[in-house]
Amino acid sequence: MAKRVVETLVDDIDGSDADRTISFSIDGTQYSIDLSSANAEKFEAAVAPYVAAARKTSSSRATGTGRARRAGASTGGDTKDAREWLRENGHQVSDRGRVPAPLMELYRNR
């Protein structure tokens, strides 16, 4: 039995046919939106002043590590120091596993 699957992009703003998907990131959160050419132009025009003033950062794909790092991900040494500091400052932290993001934020902003 043959099967044909057709995927149609729908503009997330107005429901018309979408021509492309735009991916972007704000505050470490990745977003994707399907837009028609007209809405893509509006989006690009709206963010153009911010893009022009911004500086580029390397993407996780460009690091070549083979595994994407999340924005704000910590290294093992950072986690060890964070656990120590958090405990000294009255926070409960497990000996193993991921340190919750709100606690890592406290550690980074100490």
PDB file of N, CA and C in Angstrom:
ATOM      1  N   MET A   1       0.846  -1.158   0.000  1.00  0.00           N
ATOM      2  CA  MET A   1       0.000   0.000   0.000  1.00  0.00           C
ATOM      3  C   MET A   1       0.902   1.234   0.000  1.00  0.00           C
ATOM      4  N   ALA A   2       0.609   2.190  -0.829  1.00  0.00           N
ATOM      5  CA  ALA A   2       1.353   3.444  -0.902  1.00  0.00           C
ATOM      6  C   ALA A   2       0.646   4.496  -0.064  1.00  0.00           C
ATOM      7  N   LYS A   3       1.448   5.392   0.442  1.00  0.00           N
ATOM      8  CA  LYS A   3       0.902   6.459   1.267  1.00  0.00           C
ATOM      9  C   LYS A   3       1.580   7.758   0.879  1.00  0.00           C
ATOM     10  N   ARG A   4       0.820   8.800   0.714  1.00  0.00           N
ATOM     11  CA  ARG A   4       1.379  10.100   0.390  1.00  0.00           C
ATOM     12  C   ARG A   4       0.944  11.074   1.490  1.00  0.00           C
ATOM     13  N   VAL A   5       1.932  11.726   2.082  1.00  0.00           N
ATOM     14  CA  VAL A   5       1.664  12.701   3.126  1.00  0.00           C
ATOM     15  C   VAL A   5       2.039  14.068   2.569  1.00  0.00           C
ATOM     16  N   VAL A   6       1.100  14.988   2.641  1.00  0.00           N
ATOM     17  CA  VAL A   6       1.338  16.338   2.150  1.00  0.00           C
ATOM     18  C   VAL A   6       1.275  17.282   3.337  1.00  0.00           C
ATOM     19  N   GLU A   7       2.346  18.016   3.529  1.00  0.00           N
ATOM     20  CA  GLU A   7       2.395  18.995   4.619  1.00  0.00           C
ATOM     21  C   GLU A   7       2.201  20.377   4.026  1.00  0.00           C
ATOM     22  N   THR A   8       1.249  21.102   4.579  1.00  0.00           N
ATOM     23  CA  THR A   8       0.969  22.448   4.127  1.00  0.00           C
ATOM     24  C   THR A   8       1.262  23.417   5.259  1.00  0.00           C
ATOM     25  N   LEU A   9       2.090  24.408   4.978  1.00  0.00           N
ATOM     26  CA  LEU A   9       2.359  25.425   5.984  1.00  0.00           C
ATOM     27  C   LEU A   9       1.252  26.459   5.976  1.00  0.00           C
ATOM     28  N   VAL A  10       0.780  26.790   7.164  1.00  0.00           N
ATOM     29  CA  VAL A  10      -0.269  27.785   7.318  1.00  0.00           C
ATOM     30  C   VAL A  10       0.299  28.951   8.113  1.00  0.00           C
ATOM     31  N   ASP A  11       0.096  30.155   7.627  1.00  0.00           N
ATOM     32  CA  ASP A  11       0.580  31.354   8.295  1.00  0.00           C
ATOM     33  C   ASP A  11      -0.017  31.428   9.701  1.00  0.00           C
ATOM     34  N   ASP A  12       0.865  31.515  10.696  1.00  0.00           N
ATOM     35  CA  ASP A  12       0.420  31.524  12.095  1.00  0.00           C
ATOM     36  C   ASP A  12      -0.260  32.832  12.486  1.00  0.00           C
ATOM     37  N   ILE A  13      -0.173  33.860  11.667  1.00  0.00           N
ATOM     38  CA  ILE A  13      -0.795  35.146  11.971  1.00  0.00           C
ATOM     39  C   ILE A  13      -2.197  35.238  11.381  1.00  0.00           C
ATOM     40  N   ASP A  14      -2.313  34.948  10.075  1.00  0.00           N
ATOM     41  CA  ASP A  14      -3.610  35.184   9.429  1.00  0.00           C
ATOM     42  C   ASP A  14      -4.258  33.949   8.802  1.00  0.00           C
ATOM     43  N   GLY A  15      -3.634  32.791   8.908  1.00  0.00           N
ATOM     44  CA  GLY A  15      -4.238  31.564   8.396  1.00  0.00           C
ATOM     45  C   GLY A  15      -4.088  31.337   6.904  1.00  0.00           C
ATOM     46  N   SER A  16      -3.417  32.245   6.203  1.00  0.00           N
ATOM     47  CA  SER A  16      -3.191  32.058   4.767  1.00  0.00           C
ATOM     48  C   SER A  16      -2.080  31.024   4.561  1.00  0.00           C
ATOM     49  N   ASP A  17      -1.794  30.700   3.284  1.00  0.00           N
ATOM     50  CA  ASP A  17      -0.697  29.786   2.997  1.00  0.00           C
ATOM     51  C   ASP A  17       0.620  30.434   3.411  1.00  0.00           C
ATOM     52  N   ALA A  18       1.444  29.679   4.118  1.00  0.00           N
ATOM     53  CA  ALA A  18       2.752  30.189   4.542  1.00  0.00           C
ATOM     54  C   ALA A  18       3.802  29.789   3.529  1.00  0.00           C
ATOM     55  N   ASP A  19       4.769  30.651   3.341  1.00  0.00           N
ATOM     56  CA  ASP A  19       5.845  30.400   2.390  1.00  0.00           C
ATOM     57  C   ASP A  19       7.128  29.932   3.064  1.00  0.00           C
ATOM     58  N   ARG A  20       7.250  30.246   4.347  1.00  0.00           N
ATOM     59  CA  ARG A  20       8.497  29.892   5.034  1.00  0.00           C
ATOM     60  C   ARG A  20       8.310  29.862   6.538  1.00  0.00           C
ATOM     61  N   THR A  21       9.281  29.256   7.185  1.00  0.00           N
ATOM     62  CA  THR A  21       9.318  29.214   8.639  1.00  0.00           C
ATOM     63  C   THR A  21      10.482  30.070   9.104  1.00  0.00           C
ATOM     64  N   ILE A  22      10.227  30.948  10.038  1.00  0.00           N
ATOM     65  CA  ILE A  22      11.275  31.800  10.601  1.00  0.00           C
ATOM     66  C   ILE A  22      11.528  31.338  12.026  1.00  0.00           C
ATOM     67  N   SER A  23      12.786  31.115  12.350  1.00  0.00           N
ATOM     68  CA  SER A  23      13.185  30.743  13.708  1.00  0.00           C
ATOM     69  C   SER A  23      13.916  31.915  14.338  1.00  0.00           C
ATOM     70  N   PHE A  24      13.665  32.131  15.621  1.00  0.00           N
ATOM     71  CA  PHE A  24      14.337  33.203  16.336  1.00  0.00           C
ATOM     72  C   PHE A  24      14.392  32.843  17.808  1.00  0.00           C
ATOM     73  N   SER A  25      15.186  33.581  18.543  1.00  0.00           N
ATOM     74  CA  SER A  25      15.374  33.315  19.959  1.00  0.00           C
ATOM     75  C   SER A  25      15.304  34.620  20.729  1.00  0.00           C
ATOM     76  N   ILE A  26      14.616  34.584  21.866  1.00  0.00           N
ATOM     77  CA  ILE A  26      14.554  35.736  22.763  1.00  0.00           C
ATOM     78  C   ILE A  26      14.760  35.225  24.179  1.00  0.00           C
ATOM     79  N   ASP A  27      15.692  35.817  24.894  1.00  0.00           N
ATOM     80  CA  ASP A  27      15.979  35.439  26.274  1.00  0.00           C
ATOM     81  C   ASP A  27      16.206  33.945  26.439  1.00  0.00           C
ATOM     82  N   GLY A  28      16.901  33.349  25.475  1.00  0.00           N
ATOM     83  CA  GLY A  28      17.260  31.943  25.576  1.00  0.00           C
ATOM     84  C   GLY A  28      16.163  30.972  25.180  1.00  0.00           C
ATOM     85  N   THR A  29      15.014  31.451  24.760  1.00  0.00           N
ATOM     86  CA  THR A  29      13.933  30.573  24.329  1.00  0.00           C
ATOM     87  C   THR A  29      13.826  30.636  22.812  1.00  0.00           C
ATOM     88  N   GLN A  30      13.844  29.457  22.175  1.00  0.00           N
ATOM     89  CA  GLN A  30      13.760  29.363  20.726  1.00  0.00           C
ATOM     90  C   GLN A  30      12.303  29.368  20.288  1.00  0.00           C
ATOM     91  N   TYR A  31      12.018  30.070  19.206  1.00  0.00           N
ATOM     92  CA  TYR A  31      10.679  30.131  18.635  1.00  0.00           C
ATOM     93  C   TYR A  31      10.755  29.874  17.132  1.00  0.00           C
ATOM     94  N   SER A  32       9.693  29.334  16.559  1.00  0.00           N
ATOM     95  CA  SER A  32       9.540  29.196  15.115  1.00  0.00           C
ATOM     96  C   SER A  32       8.138  29.643  14.764  1.00  0.00           C
ATOM     97  N   ILE A  33       8.011  30.332  13.645  1.00  0.00           N
ATOM     98  CA  ILE A  33       6.706  30.797  13.192  1.00  0.00           C
ATOM     99  C   ILE A  33       6.634  30.617  11.687  1.00  0.00           C
ATOM    100  N   ASP A  34       5.505  30.106  11.201  1.00  0.00           N
ATOM    101  CA  ASP A  34       5.271  29.942   9.774  1.00  0.00           C
ATOM    102  C   ASP A  34       4.582  31.208   9.274  1.00  0.00           C
ATOM    103  N   LEU A  35       5.145  31.802   8.213  1.00  0.00           N
ATOM    104  CA  LEU A  35       4.607  33.070   7.715  1.00  0.00           C
ATOM    105  C   LEU A  35       4.533  33.091   6.197  1.00  0.00           C
ATOM    106  N   SER A  36       3.574  33.839   5.695  1.00  0.00           N
ATOM    107  CA  SER A  36       3.511  34.134   4.256  1.00  0.00           C
ATOM    108  C   SER A  36       4.640  35.112   3.958  1.00  0.00           C
ATOM    109  N   SER A  37       4.913  35.320   2.690  1.00  0.00           N
ATOM    110  CA  SER A  37       5.968  36.274   2.313  1.00  0.00           C
ATOM    111  C   SER A  37       5.669  37.667   2.853  1.00  0.00           C
ATOM    112  N   ALA A  38       4.406  38.072   2.770  1.00  0.00           N
ATOM    113  CA  ALA A  38       4.034  39.416   3.234  1.00  0.00           C
ATOM    114  C   ALA A  38       4.263  39.554   4.737  1.00  0.00           C
ATOM    115  N   ASN A  39       3.829  38.568   5.506  1.00  0.00           N
ATOM    116  CA  ASN A  39       4.015  38.652   6.963  1.00  0.00           C
ATOM    117  C   ASN A  39       5.479  38.465   7.353  1.00  0.00           C
ATOM    118  N   ALA A  40       6.234  37.685   6.578  1.00  0.00           N
ATOM    119  CA  ALA A  40       7.669  37.535   6.841  1.00  0.00           C
ATOM    120  C   ALA A  40       8.377  38.877   6.642  1.00  0.00           C
ATOM    121  N   GLU A  41       7.989  39.606   5.618  1.00  0.00           N
ATOM    122  CA  GLU A  41       8.572  40.929   5.382  1.00  0.00           C
ATOM    123  C   GLU A  41       8.239  41.884   6.532  1.00  0.00           C
ATOM    124  N   LYS A  42       7.013  41.835   7.019  1.00  0.00           N
ATOM    125  CA  LYS A  42       6.613  42.678   8.150  1.00  0.00           C
ATOM    126  C   LYS A  42       7.416  42.324   9.399  1.00  0.00           C
ATOM    127  N   PHE A  43       7.584  41.022   9.634  1.00  0.00           N
ATOM    128  CA  PHE A  43       8.351  40.567  10.800  1.00  0.00           C
ATOM    129  C   PHE A  43       9.789  41.067  10.701  1.00  0.00           C
ATOM    130  N   GLU A  44      10.408  40.852   9.542  1.00  0.00           N
ATOM    131  CA  GLU A  44      11.802  41.258   9.362  1.00  0.00           C
ATOM    132  C   GLU A  44      11.970  42.765   9.481  1.00  0.00           C
ATOM    133  N   ALA A  45      11.009  43.527   8.971  1.00  0.00           N
ATOM    134  CA  ALA A  45      11.073  44.989   9.091  1.00  0.00           C
ATOM    135  C   ALA A  45      10.943  45.408  10.556  1.00  0.00           C
ATOM    136  N   ALA A  46      10.095  44.716  11.303  1.00  0.00           N
ATOM    137  CA  ALA A  46       9.887  45.067  12.712  1.00  0.00           C
ATOM    138  C   ALA A  46      11.130  44.808  13.560  1.00  0.00           C
ATOM    139  N   VAL A  47      11.849  43.722  13.273  1.00  0.00           N
ATOM    140  CA  VAL A  47      13.021  43.394  14.100  1.00  0.00           C
ATOM    141  C   VAL A  47      14.322  43.967  13.539  1.00  0.00           C
ATOM    142  N   ALA A  48      14.284  44.516  12.320  1.00  0.00           N
ATOM    143  CA  ALA A  48      15.498  45.017  11.665  1.00  0.00           C
ATOM    144  C   ALA A  48      16.300  45.996  12.515  1.00  0.00           C
ATOM    145  N   PRO A  49      15.680  46.978  13.188  1.00  0.00           N
ATOM    146  CA  PRO A  49      16.485  47.899  13.996  1.00  0.00           C
ATOM    147  C   PRO A  49      17.200  47.201  15.156  1.00  0.00           C
ATOM    148  N   TYR A  50      16.553  46.192  15.710  1.00  0.00           N
ATOM    149  CA  TYR A  50      17.152  45.457  16.827  1.00  0.00           C
ATOM    150  C   TYR A  50      18.287  44.555  16.341  1.00  0.00           C
ATOM    151  N   VAL A  51      18.078  43.930  15.179  1.00  0.00           N
ATOM    152  CA  VAL A  51      19.123  43.085  14.601  1.00  0.00           C
ATOM    153  C   VAL A  51      20.329  43.941  14.238  1.00  0.00           C
ATOM    154  N   ALA A  52      20.089  45.120  13.682  1.00  0.00           N
ATOM    155  CA  ALA A  52      21.183  46.007  13.287  1.00  0.00           C
ATOM    156  C   ALA A  52      22.010  46.451  14.493  1.00  0.00           C
ATOM    157  N   ALA A  53      21.365  46.634  15.640  1.00  0.00           N
ATOM    158  CA  ALA A  53      22.076  47.098  16.834  1.00  0.00           C
ATOM    159  C   ALA A  53      22.672  45.957  17.654  1.00  0.00           C
ATOM    160  N   ALA A  54      22.254  44.745  17.374  1.00  0.00           N
ATOM    161  CA  ALA A  54      22.687  43.585  18.174  1.00  0.00           C
ATOM    162  C   ALA A  54      24.045  43.075  17.721  1.00  0.00           C
ATOM    163  N   ARG A  55      24.640  42.250  18.546  1.00  0.00           N
ATOM    164  CA  ARG A  55      25.877  41.571  18.162  1.00  0.00           C
ATOM    165  C   ARG A  55      25.559  40.087  17.990  1.00  0.00           C
ATOM    166  N   LYS A  56      26.242  39.456  17.071  1.00  0.00           N
ATOM    167  CA  LYS A  56      26.020  38.035  16.813  1.00  0.00           C
ATOM    168  C   LYS A  56      26.686  37.207  17.898  1.00  0.00           C
ATOM    169  N   THR A  57      26.044  36.108  18.237  1.00  0.00           N
ATOM    170  CA  THR A  57      26.639  35.111  19.120  1.00  0.00           C
ATOM    171  C   THR A  57      26.634  33.800  18.373  1.00  0.00           C
ATOM    172  N   SER A  58      27.512  32.891  18.760  1.00  0.00           N
ATOM    173  CA  SER A  58      27.557  31.617  18.059  1.00  0.00           C
ATOM    174  C   SER A  58      26.341  30.788  18.434  1.00  0.00           C
ATOM    175  N   SER A  59      25.831  30.071  17.463  1.00  0.00           N
ATOM    176  CA  SER A  59      24.702  29.187  17.728  1.00  0.00           C
ATOM    177  C   SER A  59      25.230  27.873  18.280  1.00  0.00           C
ATOM    178  N   SER A  60      24.366  27.105  18.910  1.00  0.00           N
ATOM    179  CA  SER A  60      24.788  25.818  19.465  1.00  0.00           C
ATOM    180  C   SER A  60      25.238  24.882  18.360  1.00  0.00           C
ATOM    181  N   ARG A  61      24.680  25.043  17.156  1.00  0.00           N
ATOM    182  CA  ARG A  61      25.092  24.201  16.035  1.00  0.00           C
ATOM    183  C   ARG A  61      26.501  24.543  15.575  1.00  0.00           C
ATOM    184  N   ALA A  62      26.918  25.777  15.786  1.00  0.00           N
ATOM    185  CA  ALA A  62      28.226  26.221  15.311  1.00  0.00           C
ATOM    186  C   ALA A  62      29.358  25.824  16.251  1.00  0.00           C
ATOM    187  N   THR A  63      29.043  25.328  17.434  1.00  0.00           N
ATOM    188  CA  THR A  63      30.098  25.010  18.388  1.00  0.00           C
ATOM    189  C   THR A  63      30.861  23.754  18.017  1.00  0.00           C
ATOM    190  N   GLY A  64      30.245  22.862  17.228  1.00  0.00           N
ATOM    191  CA  GLY A  64      30.936  21.662  16.803  1.00  0.00           C
ATOM    192  C   GLY A  64      31.129  20.645  17.902  1.00  0.00           C
ATOM    193  N   THR A  65      30.369  20.720  18.967  1.00  0.00           N
ATOM    194  CA  THR A  65      30.542  19.784  20.063  1.00  0.00           C
ATOM    195  C   THR A  65      29.828  18.471  19.817  1.00  0.00           C
ATOM    196  N   GLY A  66      28.950  18.437  18.827  1.00  0.00           N
ATOM    197  CA  GLY A  66      28.193  17.227  18.582  1.00  0.00           C
ATOM    198  C   GLY A  66      26.941  17.162  19.431  1.00  0.00           C
ATOM    199  N   ARG A  67      26.867  17.985  20.443  1.00  0.00           N
ATOM    200  CA  ARG A  67      25.693  18.031  21.301  1.00  0.00           C
ATOM    201  C   ARG A  67      25.385  19.488  21.590  1.00  0.00           C
ATOM    202  N   ALA A  68      24.179  19.887  21.288  1.00  0.00           N
ATOM    203  CA  ALA A  68      23.808  21.292  21.478  1.00  0.00           C
ATOM    204  C   ALA A  68      23.771  21.630  22.955  1.00  0.00           C
ATOM    205  N   ARG A  69      24.363  22.765  23.297  1.00  0.00           N
ATOM    206  CA  ARG A  69      24.279  23.264  24.674  1.00  0.00           C
ATOM    207  C   ARG A  69      23.138  24.238  24.768  1.00  0.00           C
ATOM    208  N   ARG A  70      22.356  24.099  25.810  1.00  0.00           N
ATOM    209  CA  ARG A  70      21.279  25.053  26.056  1.00  0.00           C
ATOM    210  C   ARG A  70      21.884  26.349  26.542  1.00  0.00           C
ATOM    211  N   ALA A  71      21.201  27.439  26.253  1.00  0.00           N
ATOM    212  CA  ALA A  71      21.638  28.728  26.782  1.00  0.00           C
ATOM    213  C   ALA A  71      21.588  28.654  28.289  1.00  0.00           C
ATOM    214  N   GLY A  72      22.674  29.019  28.928  1.00  0.00           N
ATOM    215  CA  GLY A  72      22.703  28.988  30.383  1.00  0.00           C
ATOM    216  C   GLY A  72      23.097  27.643  30.949  1.00  0.00           C
ATOM    217  N   ALA A  73      23.375  26.650  30.097  1.00  0.00           N
ATOM    218  CA  ALA A  73      23.774  25.345  30.615  1.00  0.00           C
ATOM    219  C   ALA A  73      25.113  25.493  31.325  1.00  0.00           C
ATOM    220  N   SER A  74      25.297  24.729  32.371  1.00  0.00           N
ATOM    221  CA  SER A  74      26.516  24.879  33.154  1.00  0.00           C
ATOM    222  C   SER A  74      27.468  23.721  32.925  1.00  0.00           C
ATOM    223  N   THR A  75      28.718  23.944  33.235  1.00  0.00           N
ATOM    224  CA  THR A  75      29.712  22.901  33.156  1.00  0.00           C
ATOM    225  C   THR A  75      29.759  22.175  34.489  1.00  0.00           C
ATOM    226  N   GLY A  76      30.427  21.037  34.537  1.00  0.00           N
ATOM    227  CA  GLY A  76      30.509  20.267  35.770  1.00  0.00           C
ATOM    228  C   GLY A  76      31.117  21.052  36.918  1.00  0.00           C
ATOM    229  N   GLY A  77      32.213  21.799  36.667  1.00  0.00           N
ATOM    230  CA  GLY A  77      32.848  22.584  37.719  1.00  0.00           C
ATOM    231  C   GLY A  77      31.933  23.685  38.229  1.00  0.00           C
ATOM    232  N   ASP A  78      31.216  24.300  37.328  1.00  0.00           N
ATOM    233  CA  ASP A  78      30.272  25.347  37.696  1.00  0.00           C
ATOM    234  C   ASP A  78      29.181  24.769  38.596  1.00  0.00           C
ATOM    235  N   THR A  79      28.707  23.587  38.263  1.00  0.00           N
ATOM    236  CA  THR A  79      27.657  22.937  39.050  1.00  0.00           C
ATOM    237  C   THR A  79      28.167  22.596  40.446  1.00  0.00           C
ATOM    238  N   LYS A  80      29.389  22.101  40.528  1.00  0.00           N
ATOM    239  CA  LYS A  80      29.966  21.758  41.834  1.00  0.00           C
ATOM    240  C   LYS A  80      30.060  22.996  42.718  1.00  0.00           C
ATOM    241  N   ASP A  81      30.587  24.081  42.171  1.00  0.00           N
ATOM    242  CA  ASP A  81      30.700  25.331  42.922  1.00  0.00           C
ATOM    243  C   ASP A  81      29.327  25.870  43.309  1.00  0.00           C
ATOM    244  N   ALA A  82      28.378  25.733  42.372  1.00  0.00           N
ATOM    245  CA  ALA A  82      27.024  26.222  42.640  1.00  0.00           C
ATOM    246  C   ALA A  82      26.394  25.455  43.796  1.00  0.00           C
ATOM    247  N   ARG A  83      26.527  24.124  43.795  1.00  0.00           N
ATOM    248  CA  ARG A  83      25.965  23.317  44.882  1.00  0.00           C
ATOM    249  C   ARG A  83      26.547  23.745  46.235  1.00  0.00           C
ATOM    250  N   GLU A  84      27.854  23.947  46.253  1.00  0.00           N
ATOM    251  CA  GLU A  84      28.526  24.349  47.488  1.00  0.00           C
ATOM    252  C   GLU A  84      28.011  25.705  47.968  1.00  0.00           C
ATOM    253  N   TRP A  85      27.961  26.681  47.070  1.00  0.00           N
ATOM    254  CA  TRP A  85      27.498  28.017  47.442  1.00  0.00           C
ATOM    255  C   TRP A  85      26.036  27.993  47.887  1.00  0.00           C
ATOM    256  N   LEU A  86      25.206  27.269  47.152  1.00  0.00           N
ATOM    257  CA  LEU A  86      23.782  27.200  47.491  1.00  0.00           C
ATOM    258  C   LEU A  86      23.570  26.582  48.871  1.00  0.00           C
ATOM    259  N   ARG A  87      24.290  25.520  49.180  1.00  0.00           N
ATOM    260  CA  ARG A  87      24.159  24.887  50.505  1.00  0.00           C
ATOM    261  C   ARG A  87      24.608  25.834  51.607  1.00  0.00           C
ATOM    262  N   GLU A  88      25.725  26.533  51.360  1.00  0.00           N
ATOM    263  CA  GLU A  88      26.229  27.488  52.353  1.00  0.00           C
ATOM    264  C   GLU A  88      25.244  28.631  52.596  1.00  0.00           C
ATOM    265  N   ASN A  89      24.371  28.864  51.636  1.00  0.00           N
ATOM    266  CA  ASN A  89      23.407  29.950  51.739  1.00  0.00           C
ATOM    267  C   ASN A  89      21.984  29.451  51.995  1.00  0.00           C
ATOM    268  N   GLY A  90      21.885  28.241  52.561  1.00  0.00           N
ATOM    269  CA  GLY A  90      20.612  27.740  53.060  1.00  0.00           C
ATOM    270  C   GLY A  90      19.680  27.090  52.056  1.00  0.00           C
ATOM    271  N   HIS A  91      20.158  26.752  50.899  1.00  0.00           N
ATOM    272  CA  HIS A  91      19.306  26.112  49.892  1.00  0.00           C
ATOM    273  C   HIS A  91      19.552  24.617  49.883  1.00  0.00           C
ATOM    274  N   GLN A  92      18.497  23.841  49.635  1.00  0.00           N
ATOM    275  CA  GLN A  92      18.633  22.393  49.526  1.00  0.00           C
ATOM    276  C   GLN A  92      18.911  22.035  48.076  1.00  0.00           C
ATOM    277  N   VAL A  93      19.995  21.296  47.861  1.00  0.00           N
ATOM    278  CA  VAL A  93      20.398  20.896  46.519  1.00  0.00           C
ATOM    279  C   VAL A  93      20.807  19.433  46.574  1.00  0.00           C
ATOM    280  N   SER A  94      20.350  18.636  45.605  1.00  0.00           N
ATOM    281  CA  SER A  94      20.716  17.223  45.571  1.00  0.00           C
ATOM    282  C   SER A  94      22.199  17.068  45.237  1.00  0.00           C
ATOM    283  N   ASP A  95      22.769  15.921  45.598  1.00  0.00           N
ATOM    284  CA  ASP A  95      24.178  15.657  45.323  1.00  0.00           C
ATOM    285  C   ASP A  95      24.431  15.358  43.847  1.00  0.00           C
ATOM    286  N   ARG A  96      23.400  14.873  43.171  1.00  0.00           N
ATOM    287  CA  ARG A  96      23.557  14.479  41.770  1.00  0.00           C
ATOM    288  C   ARG A  96      22.432  15.070  40.942  1.00  0.00           C
ATOM    289  N   GLY A  97      22.625  15.048  39.629  1.00  0.00           N
ATOM    290  CA  GLY A  97      21.596  15.508  38.714  1.00  0.00           C
ATOM    291  C   GLY A  97      21.671  17.005  38.460  1.00  0.00           C
ATOM    292  N   ARG A  98      20.677  17.477  37.792  1.00  0.00           N
ATOM    293  CA  ARG A  98      20.621  18.868  37.373  1.00  0.00           C
ATOM    294  C   ARG A  98      20.247  19.776  38.534  1.00  0.00           C
ATOM    295  N   VAL A  99      20.954  20.895  38.628  1.00  0.00           N
ATOM    296  CA  VAL A  99      20.606  21.916  39.615  1.00  0.00           C
ATOM    297  C   VAL A  99      19.478  22.737  38.993  1.00  0.00           C
ATOM    298  N   PRO A 100      18.341  22.894  39.673  1.00  0.00           N
ATOM    299  CA  PRO A 100      17.219  23.644  39.100  1.00  0.00           C
ATOM    300  C   PRO A 100      17.638  25.043  38.637  1.00  0.00           C
ATOM    301  N   ALA A 101      17.079  25.452  37.511  1.00  0.00           N
ATOM    302  CA  ALA A 101      17.437  26.733  36.896  1.00  0.00           C
ATOM    303  C   ALA A 101      17.290  27.926  37.846  1.00  0.00           C
ATOM    304  N   PRO A 102      16.211  28.003  38.646  1.00  0.00           N
ATOM    305  CA  PRO A 102      16.110  29.156  39.552  1.00  0.00           C
ATOM    306  C   PRO A 102      17.260  29.217  40.558  1.00  0.00           C
ATOM    307  N   LEU A 103      17.737  28.047  41.006  1.00  0.00           N
ATOM    308  CA  LEU A 103      18.868  28.026  41.941  1.00  0.00           C
ATOM    309  C   LEU A 103      20.164  28.402  41.236  1.00  0.00           C
ATOM    310  N   MET A 104      20.341  27.930  39.998  1.00  0.00           N
ATOM    311  CA  MET A 104      21.537  28.318  39.237  1.00  0.00           C
ATOM    312  C   MET A 104      21.531  29.822  38.987  1.00  0.00           C
ATOM    313  N   GLU A 105      20.357  30.392  38.770  1.00  0.00           N
ATOM    314  CA  GLU A 105      20.244  31.829  38.578  1.00  0.00           C
ATOM    315  C   GLU A 105      20.653  32.583  39.840  1.00  0.00           C
ATOM    316  N   LEU A 106      20.243  32.085  41.006  1.00  0.00           N
ATOM    317  CA  LEU A 106      20.670  32.692  42.274  1.00  0.00           C
ATOM    318  C   LEU A 106      22.193  32.657  42.400  1.00  0.00           C
ATOM    319  N   TYR A 107      22.767  31.509  42.060  1.00  0.00           N
ATOM    320  CA  TYR A 107      24.225  31.343  42.149  1.00  0.00           C
ATOM    321  C   TYR A 107      24.933  32.321  41.206  1.00  0.00           C
ATOM    322  N   ARG A 108      24.466  32.422  39.981  1.00  0.00           N
ATOM    323  CA  ARG A 108      25.105  33.297  38.989  1.00  0.00           C
ATOM    324  C   ARG A 108      24.976  34.774  39.350  1.00  0.00           C
ATOM    325  N   ASN A 109      23.891  35.141  40.019  1.00  0.00           N
ATOM    326  CA  ASN A 109      23.650  36.547  40.363  1.00  0.00           C
ATOM    327  C   ASN A 109      24.062  36.907  41.782  1.00  0.00           C
ATOM    328  N   ARG A 110      24.848  36.067  42.399  1.00  0.00           N
ATOM    329  CA  ARG A 110      25.245  36.304  43.809  1.00  0.00           C
ATOM    330  C   ARG A 110      26.055  37.561  43.976  1.00  0.00           C
TER     331      ARG A 110
END
